[in-house]
């Protein structure tokens, strides 16, 4: 999650594939082995891949990088297209569809 967040803040793109992120971002050298260990054990412990103290230190460093990336990002604090997306969804509803608020969709009245 930390590398995904760092990548998002730096590039403005969501890339939730850790093996790709490891290749693009400076990550601790053991991360590919940790990915493999976690995939093999699903949600089990990391085993002997990395010392728990080192892991804590690296996680703290990644949190600091994420904080720095968030402070430096050009991304807006909040999505700017919410109203436009809402309008698109309302227009795309079939005539008579019920809106989540329980009211009839305004789409039929606008057509």
Protein backbone atom coordinates (compact mmCIF):
# COMPACT_ATOMS: atom_id res chain seq x y z
CA UNK A 1 0.00 0.00 0.00
CA UNK A 2 2.80 2.42 0.77
CA UNK A 3 4.48 2.01 -2.61
CA UNK A 4 1.11 2.34 -4.36
CA UNK A 5 0.47 5.59 -2.49
CA UNK A 6 3.94 6.94 -3.23
CA UNK A 7 3.49 6.11 -6.92
CA UNK A 8 0.04 7.75 -6.99
CA UNK A 9 1.29 10.94 -5.36
CA UNK A 10 4.32 11.12 -7.67
CA UNK A 11 2.61 10.24 -10.95
CA UNK A 12 -1.11 10.79 -10.49
CA UNK A 13 -1.70 7.18 -11.61
CA UNK A 14 -2.95 4.23 -9.57
CA UNK A 15 -0.74 1.18 -10.05
CA UNK A 16 -1.70 -1.47 -7.49
CA UNK A 17 0.73 -4.13 -8.78
CA UNK A 18 3.55 -4.45 -6.27
CA UNK A 19 6.01 -6.32 -8.53
CA UNK A 20 5.76 -3.49 -11.09
CA UNK A 21 6.11 -0.84 -8.40
CA UNK A 22 9.23 -2.49 -7.00
CA UNK A 23 10.81 -2.21 -10.44
CA UNK A 24 9.84 1.48 -10.76
CA UNK A 25 10.46 2.77 -7.23
CA UNK A 26 13.39 2.48 -4.86
CA UNK A 27 12.18 -0.24 -2.51
CA UNK A 28 14.10 -2.34 -0.01
CA UNK A 29 15.98 -5.14 -1.80
CA UNK A 30 14.10 -7.90 0.02
CA UNK A 31 10.65 -6.79 -1.19
CA UNK A 32 10.48 -9.19 -4.19
CA UNK A 33 11.29 -12.12 -1.89
CA UNK A 34 8.75 -10.83 0.64
CA UNK A 35 6.12 -10.66 -2.14
CA UNK A 36 6.85 -14.28 -3.03
CA UNK A 37 6.73 -15.39 0.62
CA UNK A 38 3.44 -13.61 1.21
CA UNK A 39 1.94 -15.07 -1.98
CA UNK A 40 3.00 -18.55 -0.88
CA UNK A 41 1.62 -18.14 2.62
CA UNK A 42 -1.30 -15.89 1.57
CA UNK A 43 -1.76 -13.98 4.83
CA UNK A 44 0.77 -15.84 6.95
CA UNK A 45 3.93 -14.47 8.53
CA UNK A 46 6.87 -13.28 6.45
CA UNK A 47 9.07 -16.01 7.89
CA UNK A 48 12.82 -15.50 7.68
CA UNK A 49 12.75 -13.09 4.72
CA UNK A 50 13.40 -9.99 6.78
CA UNK A 51 14.21 -9.17 10.38
CA UNK A 52 11.14 -7.65 12.11
CA UNK A 53 13.18 -4.66 13.31
CA UNK A 54 14.41 -3.94 9.80
CA UNK A 55 10.88 -4.30 8.48
CA UNK A 56 9.60 -1.74 11.03
CA UNK A 57 12.40 0.67 10.08
CA UNK A 58 11.67 0.30 6.36
CA UNK A 59 7.93 0.75 6.90
CA UNK A 60 8.60 3.97 8.81
CA UNK A 61 10.88 5.17 5.99
CA UNK A 62 8.19 4.34 3.40
CA UNK A 63 5.61 6.23 5.47
CA UNK A 64 7.96 9.24 5.46
CA UNK A 65 8.32 8.96 1.66
CA UNK A 66 4.55 8.75 1.29
CA UNK A 67 4.12 11.85 3.47
CA UNK A 68 6.72 13.71 1.38
CA UNK A 69 5.07 12.59 -1.87
CA UNK A 70 1.69 13.73 -0.57
CA UNK A 71 3.10 17.13 0.37
CA UNK A 72 4.71 17.54 -3.06
CA UNK A 73 1.95 16.11 -5.26
CA UNK A 74 0.17 18.17 -7.87
CA UNK A 75 -3.01 16.13 -7.31
CA UNK A 76 -5.96 18.10 -5.92
CA UNK A 77 -7.02 17.55 -2.30
CA UNK A 78 -10.42 16.39 -3.46
CA UNK A 79 -11.80 15.12 -6.76
CA UNK A 80 -12.91 18.02 -8.92
CA UNK A 81 -15.25 16.11 -11.22
CA UNK A 82 -17.77 14.82 -8.64
CA UNK A 83 -20.66 16.96 -9.92
CA UNK A 84 -19.92 16.10 -13.55
CA UNK A 85 -19.78 12.38 -12.70
CA UNK A 86 -23.08 12.63 -10.83
CA UNK A 87 -24.71 14.36 -13.80
CA UNK A 88 -23.41 11.68 -16.17
CA UNK A 89 -24.76 8.88 -13.98
CA UNK A 90 -28.16 10.56 -13.69
CA UNK A 91 -28.34 11.02 -17.47
CA UNK A 92 -27.32 7.40 -18.06
CA UNK A 93 -30.04 5.93 -15.83
CA UNK A 94 -32.94 4.34 -17.66
CA UNK A 95 -36.22 6.28 -17.48
CA UNK A 96 -37.92 5.68 -14.17
CA UNK A 97 -34.89 4.27 -12.36
CA UNK A 98 -34.90 5.00 -8.65
CA UNK A 99 -32.04 7.12 -7.39
CA UNK A 100 -30.22 6.00 -4.22
CA UNK A 101 -32.07 8.71 -2.25
CA UNK A 102 -35.38 7.04 -3.09
CA UNK A 103 -36.48 9.76 -5.49
CA UNK A 104 -37.17 9.14 -9.13
CA UNK A 105 -34.18 9.84 -11.30
CA UNK A 106 -34.20 13.27 -12.83
CA UNK A 107 -33.08 11.81 -16.13
CA UNK A 108 -36.59 11.44 -17.52
CA UNK A 109 -37.48 15.02 -16.59
CA UNK A 110 -34.34 16.36 -18.25
CA UNK A 111 -34.93 14.58 -21.56
